[in-house]
Protein backbone atom coordinates (compact mmCIF):
# COMPACT_ATOMS: atom_id res chain seq x y z
CA MET A 1 137.20 94.07 59.20
CA ASP A 2 137.24 91.67 61.95
CA ASP A 3 134.31 92.39 64.35
CA PHE A 4 135.90 92.88 67.76
CA ASP A 5 133.31 92.71 70.54
CA GLY A 6 133.13 95.56 72.86
CA ASP A 7 135.26 97.76 70.37
CA VAL A 8 134.23 101.08 68.71
CA ALA A 9 134.68 100.65 64.82
CA LEU A 10 135.25 104.18 63.21
CA ARG A 11 135.97 104.64 59.81
CA MET A 12 137.69 108.04 58.93
CA GLY A 13 139.49 108.78 55.67
CA GLY A 14 138.86 105.41 54.26
CA ARG A 15 140.65 103.68 57.05
CA TRP A 16 139.21 101.70 59.89
CA ALA A 17 140.29 101.98 63.36
CA ASN A 18 139.34 99.70 66.36
CA VAL A 19 139.63 101.32 69.59
CA GLY A 20 138.28 100.88 73.21
CA GLU A 21 137.06 104.54 73.37
CA PRO A 22 135.97 106.83 70.78
CA SER A 23 138.82 109.59 69.98
CA ALA A 24 137.92 113.18 70.12
CA GLN A 25 137.32 113.35 66.46
CA ALA A 26 135.01 110.58 66.48
CA ARG A 27 133.15 111.95 69.51
CA PHE A 28 132.74 115.33 67.37
CA LEU A 29 131.33 113.32 64.52
CA MET A 30 128.84 111.43 66.66
CA ASN A 31 127.60 114.69 68.41
CA GLU A 32 127.28 116.34 65.11
CA LEU A 33 125.30 113.47 63.85
CA ALA A 34 123.29 113.65 66.99
CA SER A 35 122.79 117.38 66.67
CA ARG A 36 121.55 117.01 63.23
CA ILE A 37 118.95 114.24 64.06
CA GLN A 38 117.73 116.38 66.84
CA ARG A 39 117.30 119.62 64.79
CA GLU A 40 115.26 117.65 62.22
CA ILE A 41 113.16 115.87 64.92
CA ALA A 42 112.29 119.53 66.21
CA ARG A 43 111.50 120.73 62.80
CA ALA A 44 109.47 117.69 61.91
CA ARG A 45 107.49 117.82 65.39
CA LYS A 46 106.10 121.38 64.26
CA THR A 47 104.56 119.72 60.89
CA ILE A 48 103.14 116.80 62.70
CA GLU A 49 101.49 118.96 65.48
CA ASN A 50 99.81 121.11 62.93
CA ALA A 51 98.58 117.87 61.22
CA ARG A 52 97.34 116.36 64.45
CA ALA A 53 95.49 119.71 65.18
CA GLY A 54 93.99 119.58 61.88
CA LEU A 55 95.43 122.90 60.72
CA ILE A 56 97.27 120.97 57.67
CA ARG A 57 96.87 117.76 55.88
CA VAL A 58 99.97 115.72 55.53
CA SER A 59 99.40 112.94 52.83
CA GLU A 60 101.77 109.93 52.00
CA ARG A 61 103.65 111.94 49.47
CA ASP A 62 103.92 114.89 52.05
CA THR A 63 105.42 112.66 54.32
CA ILE A 64 108.04 111.37 51.96
CA GLN A 65 109.06 114.82 50.86
CA LYS A 66 108.66 116.91 54.14
CA LEU A 67 109.50 114.37 56.76
CA VAL A 68 111.46 111.26 55.75
CA MET A 69 113.90 112.73 53.01
CA PRO A 70 115.03 115.57 55.12
CA MET A 71 115.77 113.00 57.89
CA LEU A 72 117.58 110.96 55.35
CA ALA A 73 119.49 113.82 54.51
CA ALA A 74 120.16 114.77 58.21
CA ILE A 75 121.74 111.36 58.78
CA GLY A 76 123.99 111.48 55.86
CA TRP A 77 122.29 110.26 52.76
CA ASP A 78 122.70 112.48 49.59
CA THR A 79 118.81 112.57 48.58
CA LEU A 80 119.92 114.54 45.50
CA ASP A 81 122.14 111.64 44.04
CA LEU A 82 120.20 108.90 42.44
CA THR A 83 122.90 106.34 43.13
CA GLU A 84 122.22 106.71 46.80
CA VAL A 85 118.50 107.49 47.13
CA ARG A 86 115.84 106.46 44.59
CA GLU A 87 112.01 107.09 44.92
CA GLU A 88 109.60 104.65 43.48
CA LEU A 89 112.05 101.85 42.93
CA GLN A 90 110.48 98.93 40.97
CA SER A 91 110.89 95.86 43.16
CA SER A 92 111.87 92.37 41.12
CA GLY A 93 108.88 90.86 43.21
CA GLY A 94 106.18 93.48 42.04
CA GLY A 95 105.34 96.62 43.44
CA ARG A 96 107.07 100.02 44.00
CA ALA A 97 109.05 100.89 47.17
CA ASP A 98 108.39 104.46 48.42
CA ILE A 99 112.32 105.02 49.05
CA ALA A 100 115.43 102.89 48.47
CA CYS A 101 118.86 103.74 49.74
CA PHE A 102 121.99 102.36 48.04
CA THR A 103 125.63 101.83 49.00
CA GLY A 104 128.36 100.47 46.68
CA GLY A 105 125.73 100.12 44.06
CA ARG A 106 123.44 97.73 46.31
CA VAL A 107 120.25 98.52 47.79
CA VAL A 108 120.49 98.37 51.75
CA MET A 109 117.39 99.92 53.21
CA PHE A 110 113.85 100.42 51.93
CA THR A 111 111.39 102.81 53.48
CA GLU A 112 107.66 103.03 53.16
CA ALA A 113 105.73 105.96 54.18
CA LYS A 114 102.10 106.72 55.06
CA ALA A 115 100.23 109.94 55.97
CA VAL A 116 101.15 111.38 59.17
CA ASN A 117 97.52 110.54 60.58
CA ASP A 118 97.51 107.07 59.17
CA SER A 119 98.17 104.19 61.64
CA ILE A 120 101.23 102.11 60.61
CA GLU A 121 99.99 99.07 62.78
CA ASP A 122 98.18 97.50 59.78
CA PRO A 123 99.84 94.20 59.12
CA ARG A 124 99.45 94.61 55.30
CA PHE A 125 101.75 97.87 55.55
CA ILE A 126 104.26 95.73 57.48
CA SER A 127 104.21 92.98 55.00
CA GLN A 128 104.41 95.28 52.09
CA ALA A 129 107.63 97.09 53.64
CA MET A 130 109.36 93.69 54.55
CA LYS A 131 108.48 92.30 50.92
CA TYR A 132 110.68 94.80 49.14
CA GLY A 133 113.66 93.64 51.55
CA THR A 134 113.13 89.82 50.85
CA ASP A 135 112.77 90.53 47.09
CA GLU A 136 115.95 92.44 46.86
CA GLY A 137 117.89 91.03 49.58
CA ALA A 138 118.03 93.85 51.80
CA ASN A 139 117.73 93.33 55.54
CA LEU A 140 116.73 96.68 56.56
CA CYS A 141 113.17 97.96 56.08
CA VAL A 142 111.58 101.16 57.73
CA LEU A 143 107.98 101.56 58.10
CA THR A 144 106.90 105.19 59.12
CA ASN A 145 104.19 107.96 58.91
CA GLY A 146 106.85 110.58 60.08
CA ARG A 147 105.92 110.51 63.51
CA ILE A 148 106.26 106.89 64.51
CA TRP A 149 109.05 105.00 63.10
CA THR A 150 109.60 101.22 63.04
CA ILE A 151 112.83 99.33 61.83
CA TYR A 152 112.47 95.82 60.67
CA HIS A 153 115.32 92.99 59.75
CA ALA A 154 113.25 91.55 56.87
CA ASN A 155 114.94 88.57 56.41
CA ALA A 156 115.27 87.40 59.96
CA GLU A 157 113.47 84.40 60.88
CA GLY A 158 110.05 84.28 62.62
CA LYS A 159 106.83 86.37 62.40
CA ALA A 160 106.78 90.15 61.98
CA ALA A 161 107.11 90.88 65.81
CA ASP A 162 110.25 88.83 65.97
CA LYS A 163 111.71 90.97 62.99
CA LEU A 164 110.84 94.51 64.83
CA PHE A 165 114.16 95.87 65.71
CA ARG A 166 113.12 99.35 66.92
CA ARG A 167 110.15 101.42 67.38
CA PHE A 168 109.70 105.12 68.48
CA ASP A 169 107.81 108.40 68.27
CA ILE A 170 109.75 111.37 67.48
CA THR A 171 107.03 113.49 69.25
CA ASP A 172 107.60 111.82 72.42
CA LEU A 173 110.29 113.98 74.34
CA ALA A 174 110.66 111.04 77.01
CA VAL A 175 112.19 108.83 74.30
CA GLU A 176 114.20 111.43 72.30
CA ASN A 177 117.56 109.97 73.26
CA PHE A 178 116.27 106.48 72.14
CA ALA A 179 115.10 107.96 68.76
CA VAL A 180 118.44 109.66 68.16
CA ASP A 181 120.20 106.54 68.72
CA SER A 182 118.11 104.55 66.38
CA LEU A 183 118.06 107.05 63.59
CA SER A 184 121.90 107.25 64.00
CA LEU A 185 121.85 103.59 63.00
CA LEU A 186 120.35 104.30 59.96
CA ALA A 187 123.00 106.67 58.99
CA LYS A 188 124.96 106.34 55.73
CA SER A 189 128.11 105.74 57.72
CA ALA A 190 126.66 103.10 60.13
CA MET A 191 125.23 101.26 57.12
CA GLU A 192 128.65 101.31 55.42
CA ASP A 193 130.34 100.19 58.85
CA ARG A 194 127.71 97.53 59.17
CA GLU A 195 127.01 98.94 62.94
CA ILE A 196 123.32 98.20 62.65
CA ASP A 197 123.85 94.54 61.74
CA ARG A 198 126.22 94.17 64.95
CA ALA A 199 123.38 96.04 66.98
CA TRP A 200 120.50 93.60 65.49
CA GLN A 201 122.77 90.72 66.28
CA ARG A 202 123.29 91.70 70.09
CA ASP A 203 119.59 92.43 70.39
CA HIS A 204 118.49 89.11 68.54
CA ALA A 205 120.85 87.11 70.80
CA ASP A 206 119.59 88.96 73.83
CA ARG A 207 116.14 87.97 73.14
CA ARG A 208 116.90 84.27 72.42
CA VAL A 209 119.01 83.76 75.55
CA GLU A 210 116.30 85.48 77.59
CA ALA A 211 113.65 83.27 76.28
CA ALA A 212 115.89 80.00 76.93
CA LEU A 213 116.32 81.28 80.28
CA ARG A 214 112.57 81.97 81.04
CA THR A 215 111.94 78.32 79.82
CA LEU A 216 114.59 76.97 82.06
CA LEU A 217 113.44 78.80 84.96
CA SER A 218 109.71 77.84 84.55
CA GLY A 219 110.71 74.04 85.36
CA ASP A 220 112.65 72.68 82.46
CA PRO A 221 113.21 69.04 83.36
CA ALA A 222 117.04 69.23 82.11
CA PHE A 223 117.58 72.37 84.17
CA ILE A 224 115.90 70.77 87.34
CA ASN A 225 118.31 67.69 86.74
CA LEU A 226 121.44 70.11 86.38
CA ILE A 227 120.53 71.82 89.51
CA ARG A 228 120.08 68.58 91.36
CA LYS A 229 123.44 67.31 90.28
CA ARG A 230 125.10 70.51 91.38
CA ILE A 231 123.34 70.06 94.76
CA GLN A 232 124.31 66.50 95.00
CA ALA A 233 128.11 67.49 94.50
CA ASP A 234 127.75 68.96 98.06
CA HIS A 235 126.73 65.49 99.47
CA VAL A 236 123.10 66.80 99.52
CA ASP A 237 120.12 65.64 97.67
CA LEU A 238 116.78 67.36 96.69
CA ALA A 239 113.67 65.93 95.00
CA PRO A 240 112.96 67.56 91.57
CA ARG A 241 109.51 68.37 93.22
CA GLN A 242 111.55 70.33 95.91
CA ILE A 243 113.66 72.10 93.36
CA ARG A 244 110.62 73.38 91.42
CA GLU A 245 109.13 74.52 94.57
CA ALA A 246 112.23 76.43 95.49
CA LEU A 247 112.53 78.13 92.29
CA ALA A 248 108.90 79.33 92.30
CA ARG A 249 109.86 80.94 95.90
CA LEU A 250 112.83 82.46 94.73
CA ASP A 251 112.99 85.99 93.32
CA LEU A 252 114.48 85.07 90.09
CA ARG A 253 113.89 87.48 87.20
CA VAL A 254 115.15 87.75 83.60
CA GLY A 255 114.45 90.75 81.66
CA SER A 256 116.37 93.33 79.43
CA ARG A 257 117.63 96.73 80.70
CA LEU A 258 115.53 99.47 79.42
CA PRO A 259 117.38 102.11 77.33
CA GLY A 260 119.12 104.67 79.42
CA GLU A 261 119.86 102.38 82.51
CA ARG A 262 123.38 101.81 83.49
CA PRO A 263 124.40 98.07 83.25
CA ASP A 264 124.70 97.97 87.13
CA ALA A 265 121.81 99.97 87.82
CA LYS A 266 119.22 97.42 88.10
CA PRO A 267 120.39 93.68 87.62
CA SER A 268 118.19 91.29 86.24
CA LEU A 269 119.19 88.81 89.07
CA PRO A 270 119.02 90.29 92.50
CA GLN A 271 122.16 90.58 94.33
CA PRO A 272 122.57 88.78 97.76
CA THR A 273 124.39 91.71 99.25
CA ALA A 274 122.39 94.47 97.65
CA GLU A 275 120.58 96.73 100.09
CA PRO A 276 116.59 96.20 100.41
CA ARG A 277 114.74 98.95 98.98
CA PRO A 278 113.13 101.25 101.98
CA ALA A 279 109.76 99.79 102.86
CA GLN A 280 108.07 102.95 102.57
CA THR A 281 108.70 102.93 98.78
CA LEU A 282 106.70 99.90 98.18
CA PRO A 283 102.89 99.40 98.32
CA ALA A 284 101.71 97.50 101.48
CA SER A 285 100.65 93.98 100.35
CA ARG A 286 97.65 92.39 101.52
CA PRO A 287 96.84 88.52 101.56
CA PRO A 288 94.57 87.51 98.77
CA GLN A 289 91.83 86.10 101.12
CA VAL A 290 91.76 89.75 102.83
CA ILE A 291 91.09 91.32 99.30
CA ALA A 292 88.48 88.63 98.66
CA ALA A 293 86.82 89.19 101.78
CA GLU A 294 86.43 92.80 101.00
CA GLY A 295 83.88 92.00 98.26
CA ALA A 296 85.56 94.25 95.67
CA LEU A 297 86.39 91.34 93.01
CA GLY A 298 83.17 89.61 92.21
CA ASP A 299 83.69 90.94 88.57
CA TRP A 300 86.85 90.82 86.70
CA LYS A 301 86.14 94.53 85.79
CA ASP A 302 86.68 95.54 89.28
CA VAL A 303 90.17 94.01 89.42
CA LYS A 304 92.93 96.50 89.31
CA ILE A 305 96.60 96.32 88.83
CA SER A 306 97.25 96.92 92.59
CA HIS A 307 95.10 93.93 93.15
CA LEU A 308 97.04 91.66 90.91
CA ILE A 309 100.17 93.05 92.88
CA ASP A 310 98.63 92.33 96.14
CA ALA A 311 97.71 88.85 95.06
CA GLY A 312 101.21 88.12 93.89
CA LEU A 313 100.24 87.63 90.35
CA ILE A 314 102.57 90.41 89.23
CA ARG A 315 105.27 92.20 91.44
CA THR A 316 106.83 95.56 91.86
CA GLY A 317 110.00 95.49 89.78
CA ASP A 318 108.67 93.07 87.25
CA LEU A 319 108.71 94.04 83.68
CA LEU A 320 105.58 94.34 81.45
CA MET A 321 105.63 94.54 77.69
CA ILE A 322 102.89 95.57 74.97
CA LYS A 323 101.72 92.56 73.04
CA GLY A 324 103.56 92.63 69.62
CA CYS A 325 106.11 95.29 70.54
CA PRO A 326 109.07 93.93 72.17
CA GLY A 327 111.89 96.06 73.21
CA PHE A 328 109.50 98.76 74.76
CA GLU A 329 109.21 97.24 78.30
CA ALA A 330 108.26 99.07 81.37
CA ARG A 331 108.89 98.31 85.00
CA ILE A 332 106.03 98.08 87.53
CA VAL A 333 106.47 100.75 90.23
CA ASP A 334 103.24 100.19 91.99
CA GLY A 335 99.43 99.99 91.17
CA ARG A 336 99.20 102.97 89.25
CA ARG A 337 102.76 103.71 87.82
CA CYS A 338 105.31 101.94 85.88
CA ASN A 339 108.90 103.27 84.83
CA TYR A 340 109.39 103.50 80.97
CA ARG A 341 112.74 104.53 79.89
CA GLY A 342 113.56 106.23 83.16
CA VAL A 343 110.24 108.27 83.38
CA GLU A 344 107.42 107.18 85.64
CA MET A 345 103.86 107.40 84.08
CA SER A 346 100.73 105.87 84.15
CA TYR A 347 100.13 102.40 82.41
CA GLY A 348 97.86 104.17 79.73
CA GLN A 349 100.66 106.60 79.14
CA TRP A 350 103.26 103.87 78.58
CA GLY A 351 100.64 101.88 76.22
CA CYS A 352 99.66 104.99 74.34
CA ARG A 353 103.38 105.89 73.77
CA VAL A 354 104.42 102.53 72.60
CA LYS A 355 101.62 102.02 70.12
CA GLY A 356 101.31 105.84 69.03
CA TRP A 357 97.43 106.14 70.05
CA THR A 358 95.55 108.63 72.19
CA THR A 359 93.90 106.02 74.16
CA ILE A 360 94.37 102.38 75.24
CA GLN A 361 92.76 99.50 76.88
CA ILE A 362 95.87 98.48 78.74
CA ALA A 363 94.58 95.12 80.17
CA VAL A 364 94.00 93.67 76.79
CA HIS A 365 97.51 94.95 75.43
CA ALA A 366 99.76 94.73 78.35
CA GLU A 367 101.39 91.13 79.23
CA THR A 368 103.92 89.73 81.48
CA MET A 369 107.44 88.58 80.02
CA ASP A 370 105.76 85.18 80.08
CA GLY A 371 103.14 86.31 77.61
CA VAL A 372 100.17 86.34 79.95
CA LEU A 373 97.88 89.27 79.31
CA LEU A 374 96.82 91.54 82.37
CA GLN A 375 93.24 90.69 81.11
CA GLN A 376 93.80 87.06 81.88
CA LEU A 377 95.35 87.68 85.17
CA ARG A 378 92.18 89.94 86.20
CA GLU A 379 89.93 87.08 85.12
CA ARG A 380 91.89 84.53 87.17
CA LEU A 381 92.01 86.47 90.17
CA ALA A 382 88.28 87.45 90.14
CA ALA A 383 87.60 83.60 89.52
CA ARG A 384 89.20 82.97 93.04
CA GLY A 385 85.99 84.40 94.50
């Protein structure tokens, strides 16, 4: 089947249909899948909440039997059919994968499970999960403790962080739609239709293009020269230094839309005709010299996010990300709040949701989209005196 960009690919009764909008039958099937996932998430939450409260102990084996297998069944896998789902599959490279899913006699997804209260951040667990995919030629690898689910493209280029496709916490009500969407990509029907492959390719392309744009906007000589030639076409000339300084002054931003945002809701590049935000919604800025004069920033520990905004080191509307967790960005609202997937919350709440922790030192985990930690910005501002 040809992959027509922008079309919805459906498979019904063994036949392919490419349509611009889902049919009534397709919408019914998609809604039914989403409903099954939501019901299973609700059921799993009760088990997870009891485990976190210490009322029950959920071992790795329990995670597989009580949380992962029921979810696989909810998204269309026949967990009783050994030609579709196998446990403890011997890998050709050594080791046994917790769960392997097959279509057409070929393994297409591995799932590694841990106990509910175990962290899945350990690099050994991530390497273990992706090793099975590499050994068997399966691109898709899932690592979960039943609460937090991470989906990796095992055979993509780069480090583990570059291979991360989706990450979500099914107990987090604020990201339930994202969790349902992500789990639907793991459905047997989506796997057969290669829907998840197309989703990965789009995400991968977005990341690469975004990184390239950031490099260009940071003052890449070839980009500066291109701008200069375009200006010269209007019979005007600017020196490269002038162009770099203009780029630094202009409010040019590059960033991915957050899940749930409409394509036209918050453009990455500001539109000249857009109506400015009301002044009262933005925190008042103070010149850096005024901040320093207050004597509050003698130590980097005294530097708050509001100070970084006032000093111009970060700006309201900018995106921040948690180091090593691409795809879970939040927008800066003010010194105390950020917007994560349409919900305003504290920076600490955002960090905990992304990492699946109960507490977090946000300054050493949150960074700008250019890869600069907030901690580094705090130290830089404090050093100004």
